[in-house]
C-alpha atoms as a PDB file:
ATOM      1  CA  UNK A   1      32.147  40.689 -18.108  1.00  0.00           C
ATOM      2  CA  UNK A   2      29.409  38.085 -18.065  1.00  0.00           C
ATOM      3  CA  UNK A   3      27.681  37.814 -14.749  1.00  0.00           C
ATOM      4  CA  UNK A   4      26.493  34.203 -14.401  1.00  0.00           C
ATOM      5  CA  UNK A   5      24.642  32.431 -11.569  1.00  0.00           C
ATOM      6  CA  UNK A   6      27.730  31.617  -9.722  1.00  0.00           C
ATOM      7  CA  UNK A   7      30.587  33.533 -11.217  1.00  0.00           C
ATOM      8  CA  UNK A   8      31.578  36.565 -13.269  1.00  0.00           C
ATOM      9  CA  UNK A   9      33.722  35.844 -16.332  1.00  0.00           C
ATOM     10  CA  UNK A  10      35.822  38.317 -18.305  1.00  0.00           C
ATOM     11  CA  UNK A  11      34.649  38.332 -21.968  1.00  0.00           C
ATOM     12  CA  UNK A  12      36.696  41.000 -23.519  1.00  0.00           C
ATOM     13  CA  UNK A  13      38.735  44.114 -22.780  1.00  0.00           C
ATOM     14  CA  UNK A  14      38.957  47.354 -24.788  1.00  0.00           C
ATOM     15  CA  UNK A  15      41.229  50.297 -25.264  1.00  0.00           C
ATOM     16  CA  UNK A  16      39.711  53.723 -25.388  1.00  0.00           C
ATOM     17  CA  UNK A  17      40.084  55.842 -28.466  1.00  0.00           C
ATOM     18  CA  UNK A  18      41.121  59.531 -28.384  1.00  0.00           C
ATOM     19  CA  UNK A  19      37.549  60.509 -27.420  1.00  0.00           C
ATOM     20  CA  UNK A  20      37.356  57.897 -24.628  1.00  0.00           C
ATOM     21  CA  UNK A  21      34.962  55.736 -26.740  1.00  0.00           C
ATOM     22  CA  UNK A  22      34.997  52.025 -27.361  1.00  0.00           C
ATOM     23  CA  UNK A  23      32.750  49.365 -28.946  1.00  0.00           C
ATOM     24  CA  UNK A  24      32.579  45.628 -28.516  1.00  0.00           C
ATOM     25  CA  UNK A  25      30.334  42.868 -29.744  1.00  0.00           C
ATOM     26  CA  UNK A  26      29.008  39.719 -28.129  1.00  0.00           C
ATOM     27  CA  UNK A  27      26.788  36.962 -29.333  1.00  0.00           C
ATOM     28  CA  UNK A  28      23.261  37.984 -28.174  1.00  0.00           C
ATOM     29  CA  UNK A  29      22.127  35.514 -25.717  1.00  0.00           C
ATOM     30  CA  UNK A  30      18.855  33.529 -26.146  1.00  0.00           C
ATOM     31  CA  UNK A  31      17.768  34.250 -22.667  1.00  0.00           C
ATOM     32  CA  UNK A  32      18.097  37.368 -20.498  1.00  0.00           C
ATOM     33  CA  UNK A  33      21.499  37.565 -19.140  1.00  0.00           C
ATOM     34  CA  UNK A  34      23.552  40.148 -17.252  1.00  0.00           C
ATOM     35  CA  UNK A  35      26.812  41.801 -18.183  1.00  0.00           C
ATOM     36  CA  UNK A  36      28.852  44.608 -16.798  1.00  0.00           C
ATOM     37  CA  UNK A  37      31.476  47.108 -17.994  1.00  0.00           C
ATOM     38  CA  UNK A  38      34.037  47.641 -15.392  1.00  0.00           C
ATOM     39  CA  UNK A  39      36.639  50.353 -14.801  1.00  0.00           C
ATOM     40  CA  UNK A  40      38.718  49.524 -11.732  1.00  0.00           C
ATOM     41  CA  UNK A  41      36.182  48.689  -8.929  1.00  0.00           C
ATOM     42  CA  UNK A  42      33.261  50.603 -10.514  1.00  0.00           C
ATOM     43  CA  UNK A  43      30.933  48.889 -12.926  1.00  0.00           C
ATOM     44  CA  UNK A  44      27.706  49.420 -14.912  1.00  0.00           C
ATOM     45  CA  UNK A  45      25.348  46.409 -15.149  1.00  0.00           C
ATOM     46  CA  UNK A  46      23.219  45.827 -18.193  1.00  0.00           C
ATOM     47  CA  UNK A  47      20.929  43.101 -19.448  1.00  0.00           C
ATOM     48  CA  UNK A  48      20.903  41.515 -22.946  1.00  0.00           C
ATOM     49  CA  UNK A  49      18.605  39.063 -24.468  1.00  0.00           C
ATOM     50  CA  UNK A  50      17.555  37.985 -28.015  1.00  0.00           C
ATOM     51  CA  UNK A  51      15.232  41.013 -28.351  1.00  0.00           C
ATOM     52  CA  UNK A  52      18.077  43.561 -27.640  1.00  0.00           C
ATOM     53  CA  UNK A  53      20.553  44.212 -30.518  1.00  0.00           C
ATOM     54  CA  UNK A  54      22.335  47.331 -29.329  1.00  0.00           C
ATOM     55  CA  UNK A  55      22.894  48.959 -25.972  1.00  0.00           C
ATOM     56  CA  UNK A  56      24.640  52.293 -25.725  1.00  0.00           C
ATOM     57  CA  UNK A  57      26.229  53.299 -22.382  1.00  0.00           C
ATOM     58  CA  UNK A  58      27.643  56.760 -21.974  1.00  0.00           C
ATOM     59  CA  UNK A  59      29.512  57.493 -18.741  1.00  0.00           C
ATOM     60  CA  UNK A  60      32.359  59.311 -17.081  1.00  0.00           C
ATOM     61  CA  UNK A  61      35.163  56.944 -16.114  1.00  0.00           C
ATOM     62  CA  UNK A  62      35.171  58.681 -12.627  1.00  0.00           C
ATOM     63  CA  UNK A  63      31.605  57.980 -11.907  1.00  0.00           C
ATOM     64  CA  UNK A  64      29.876  54.944 -13.637  1.00  0.00           C
ATOM     65  CA  UNK A  65      26.893  55.222 -11.386  1.00  0.00           C
ATOM     66  CA  UNK A  66      25.673  58.074 -13.591  1.00  0.00           C
ATOM     67  CA  UNK A  67      25.817  56.208 -16.725  1.00  0.00           C
ATOM     68  CA  UNK A  68      23.212  57.045 -19.441  1.00  0.00           C
ATOM     69  CA  UNK A  69      21.854  53.719 -20.783  1.00  0.00           C
ATOM     70  CA  UNK A  70      20.017  53.434 -24.124  1.00  0.00           C
ATOM     71  CA  UNK A  71      18.558  50.488 -25.999  1.00  0.00           C
ATOM     72  CA  UNK A  72      17.557  48.380 -23.022  1.00  0.00           C
ATOM     73  CA  UNK A  73      14.686  49.268 -20.767  1.00  0.00           C
ATOM     74  CA  UNK A  74      15.628  46.428 -18.410  1.00  0.00           C
ATOM     75  CA  UNK A  75      19.043  47.921 -17.997  1.00  0.00           C
ATOM     76  CA  UNK A  76      17.672  51.398 -17.319  1.00  0.00           C
ATOM     77  CA  UNK A  77      15.535  49.819 -14.567  1.00  0.00           C
ATOM     78  CA  UNK A  78      18.559  47.883 -13.168  1.00  0.00           C
ATOM     79  CA  UNK A  79      20.479  51.118 -13.020  1.00  0.00           C
ATOM     80  CA  UNK A  80      17.629  52.727 -10.976  1.00  0.00           C
ATOM     81  CA  UNK A  81      17.745  49.737  -8.525  1.00  0.00           C
ATOM     82  CA  UNK A  82      21.539  49.989  -8.269  1.00  0.00           C
ATOM     83  CA  UNK A  83      21.444  53.723  -7.621  1.00  0.00           C
ATOM     84  CA  UNK A  84      18.792  53.293  -4.937  1.00  0.00           C
ATOM     85  CA  UNK A  85      20.969  50.582  -3.400  1.00  0.00           C
ATOM     86  CA  UNK A  86      24.009  52.851  -3.417  1.00  0.00           C
ATOM     87  CA  UNK A  87      22.061  55.609  -1.795  1.00  0.00           C
ATOM     88  CA  UNK A  88      20.739  53.230   0.901  1.00  0.00           C
ATOM     89  CA  UNK A  89      24.298  51.958   1.602  1.00  0.00           C
ATOM     90  CA  UNK A  90      25.498  55.574   1.813  1.00  0.00           C
ATOM     91  CA  UNK A  91      22.895  56.437   4.433  1.00  0.00           C
ATOM     92  CA  UNK A  92      23.539  53.194   6.331  1.00  0.00           C
ATOM     93  CA  UNK A  93      27.183  54.148   6.607  1.00  0.00           C
ATOM     94  CA  UNK A  94      26.150  57.330   8.420  1.00  0.00           C
ATOM     95  CA  UNK A  95      24.318  55.248  11.002  1.00  0.00           C
ATOM     96  CA  UNK A  96      20.927  56.964  10.645  1.00  0.00           C
ATOM     97  CA  UNK A  97      18.615  53.957  11.327  1.00  0.00           C
ATOM     98  CA  UNK A  98      15.484  55.915  10.970  1.00  0.00           C
ATOM     99  CA  UNK A  99      16.495  57.117   7.514  1.00  0.00           C
ATOM    100  CA  UNK A 100      17.760  53.606   6.562  1.00  0.00           C
ATOM    101  CA  UNK A 101      14.348  52.182   7.388  1.00  0.00           C
ATOM    102  CA  UNK A 102      12.569  54.720   5.325  1.00  0.00           C
ATOM    103  CA  UNK A 103      15.011  54.175   2.437  1.00  0.00           C
ATOM    104  CA  UNK A 104      14.682  50.433   2.700  1.00  0.00           C
ATOM    105  CA  UNK A 105      10.956  50.763   2.363  1.00  0.00           C
ATOM    106  CA  UNK A 106      11.354  53.023  -0.776  1.00  0.00           C
ATOM    107  CA  UNK A 107      13.793  50.690  -2.235  1.00  0.00           C
ATOM    108  CA  UNK A 108      11.540  47.623  -1.859  1.00  0.00           C
ATOM    109  CA  UNK A 109       8.528  49.705  -3.305  1.00  0.00           C
ATOM    110  CA  UNK A 110      10.714  50.470  -6.363  1.00  0.00           C
ATOM    111  CA  UNK A 111      11.697  46.876  -6.771  1.00  0.00           C
ATOM    112  CA  UNK A 112       7.986  45.813  -6.448  1.00  0.00           C
ATOM    113  CA  UNK A 113       6.918  48.299  -9.041  1.00  0.00           C
ATOM    114  CA  UNK A 114       9.485  47.062 -11.539  1.00  0.00           C
ATOM    115  CA  UNK A 115       8.384  43.423 -10.934  1.00  0.00           C
ATOM    116  CA  UNK A 116       4.776  44.187 -11.229  1.00  0.00           C
ATOM    117  CA  UNK A 117       5.322  46.215 -14.472  1.00  0.00           C
ATOM    118  CA  UNK A 118       6.985  43.315 -16.087  1.00  0.00           C
ATOM    119  CA  UNK A 119       7.796  40.098 -14.125  1.00  0.00           C
ATOM    120  CA  UNK A 120       9.493  38.386 -17.054  1.00  0.00           C
ATOM    121  CA  UNK A 121      11.939  41.163 -17.508  1.00  0.00           C
ATOM    122  CA  UNK A 122      15.673  40.958 -16.623  1.00  0.00           C
ATOM    123  CA  UNK A 123      15.045  43.932 -14.268  1.00  0.00           C
ATOM    124  CA  UNK A 124      12.469  42.017 -12.292  1.00  0.00           C
ATOM    125  CA  UNK A 125      14.845  39.030 -11.944  1.00  0.00           C
ATOM    126  CA  UNK A 126      17.508  41.510 -10.841  1.00  0.00           C
ATOM    127  CA  UNK A 127      15.155  43.149  -8.394  1.00  0.00           C
ATOM    128  CA  UNK A 128      14.362  40.028  -6.389  1.00  0.00           C
ATOM    129  CA  UNK A 129      18.112  39.065  -6.332  1.00  0.00           C
ATOM    130  CA  UNK A 130      19.522  42.325  -5.118  1.00  0.00           C
ATOM    131  CA  UNK A 131      21.503  42.247  -1.787  1.00  0.00           C
ATOM    132  CA  UNK A 132      23.035  44.583   0.693  1.00  0.00           C
ATOM    133  CA  UNK A 133      25.845  43.105   2.847  1.00  0.00           C
ATOM    134  CA  UNK A 134      25.075  39.735   1.432  1.00  0.00           C
ATOM    135  CA  UNK A 135      21.424  39.917   2.595  1.00  0.00           C
ATOM    136  CA  UNK A 136      18.650  39.850   0.152  1.00  0.00           C
ATOM    137  CA  UNK A 137      16.272  42.896   0.156  1.00  0.00           C
ATOM    138  CA  UNK A 138      13.517  40.528  -0.821  1.00  0.00           C
ATOM    139  CA  UNK A 139      13.424  36.851   0.078  1.00  0.00           C
ATOM    140  CA  UNK A 140      10.875  34.223  -0.833  1.00  0.00           C
ATOM    141  CA  UNK A 141      10.994  33.216   2.879  1.00  0.00           C
ATOM    142  CA  UNK A 142       9.315  36.384   3.792  1.00  0.00           C
ATOM    143  CA  UNK A 143       5.380  36.211   3.290  1.00  0.00           C
ATOM    144  CA  UNK A 144       5.239  39.657   2.052  1.00  0.00           C
ATOM    145  CA  UNK A 145       8.042  39.110  -0.554  1.00  0.00           C
ATOM    146  CA  UNK A 146       7.043  35.617  -1.641  1.00  0.00           C
ATOM    147  CA  UNK A 147       4.272  36.896  -4.145  1.00  0.00           C
ATOM    148  CA  UNK A 148       6.817  38.921  -5.979  1.00  0.00           C
ATOM    149  CA  UNK A 149       9.273  35.997  -6.123  1.00  0.00           C
ATOM    150  CA  UNK A 150       6.370  33.861  -7.286  1.00  0.00           C
ATOM    151  CA  UNK A 151       5.422  36.332  -9.918  1.00  0.00           C
ATOM    152  CA  UNK A 152       9.006  36.411 -11.443  1.00  0.00           C
ATOM    153  CA  UNK A 153       9.344  32.629 -11.212  1.00  0.00           C
ATOM    154  CA  UNK A 154       6.006  32.033 -12.888  1.00  0.00           C
ATOM    155  CA  UNK A 155       6.601  34.570 -15.670  1.00  0.00           C
ATOM    156  CA  UNK A 156      10.086  33.179 -16.363  1.00  0.00           C
ATOM    157  CA  UNK A 157       8.877  29.672 -16.282  1.00  0.00           C
ATOM    158  CA  UNK A 158       6.217  30.496 -18.900  1.00  0.00           C
ATOM    159  CA  UNK A 159       8.744  32.415 -21.050  1.00  0.00           C
ATOM    160  CA  UNK A 160      12.077  30.617 -20.417  1.00  0.00           C
ATOM    161  CA  UNK A 161      11.099  26.959 -19.065  1.00  0.00           C
ATOM    162  CA  UNK A 162      14.496  25.491 -19.769  1.00  0.00           C
ATOM    163  CA  UNK A 163      16.722  28.364 -18.566  1.00  0.00           C
ATOM    164  CA  UNK A 164      19.117  27.719 -15.528  1.00  0.00           C
ATOM    165  CA  UNK A 165      17.960  30.971 -13.942  1.00  0.00           C
ATOM    166  CA  UNK A 166      14.293  29.904 -14.181  1.00  0.00           C
ATOM    167  CA  UNK A 167      15.075  26.544 -12.674  1.00  0.00           C
ATOM    168  CA  UNK A 168      16.766  28.320  -9.697  1.00  0.00           C
ATOM    169  CA  UNK A 169      13.898  30.807  -9.292  1.00  0.00           C
ATOM    170  CA  UNK A 170      11.278  27.897  -9.178  1.00  0.00           C
ATOM    171  CA  UNK A 171      13.370  25.850  -6.744  1.00  0.00           C
ATOM    172  CA  UNK A 172      13.734  28.876  -4.361  1.00  0.00           C
ATOM    173  CA  UNK A 173      10.093  29.648  -4.497  1.00  0.00           C
ATOM    174  CA  UNK A 174       9.014  25.990  -4.117  1.00  0.00           C
ATOM    175  CA  UNK A 175      11.260  25.532  -1.008  1.00  0.00           C
ATOM    176  CA  UNK A 176       9.980  28.744   0.559  1.00  0.00           C
ATOM    177  CA  UNK A 177       6.318  27.653   0.013  1.00  0.00           C
ATOM    178  CA  UNK A 178       7.178  24.255   1.499  1.00  0.00           C
ATOM    179  CA  UNK A 179       8.707  25.826   4.576  1.00  0.00           C
ATOM    180  CA  UNK A 180       5.828  28.147   5.100  1.00  0.00           C
ATOM    181  CA  UNK A 181       3.403  25.258   4.931  1.00  0.00           C
ATOM    182  CA  UNK A 182       5.379  23.188   7.372  1.00  0.00           C
ATOM    183  CA  UNK A 183       5.447  26.224   9.744  1.00  0.00           C
ATOM    184  CA  UNK A 184       1.597  26.379   9.805  1.00  0.00           C
END
């Protein structure tokens, strides 16, 4: 499935061979884009762009969260973020608010490290757009998060100036800066 800005689109389906393997090919996108392989309600998210020619994902159909991803460093980082998010949600369901606060701090630190390591990566874009219960972990309207949003927006504007995701990033950052200035 292709995960666009506003919708997810089915691209292809595959039948497993006797070993449970399958292959499929898609046209490599010019800009970083997000895809997912889904089995039932589980899915693995991976990123592709013009520099990535082959991504290998090895997983059990019973637990896609433990998938092994090769060929895309951004996809490996995205998986780290997703697994951290799953753990945070698991702890939240237990109602342990102190542990949730600690895990949230750790999750944001992981996201910040990924952003600072390479703000133009698909993983950095994914990090700032990650949500829990439809709430962003990081928002440009938070003074502490804005520099990370700004770093990604600036890096993407330099690397991918005509891309729709870049335009959305810039708009969000500029709106947040404008709001902060009007609140002063």
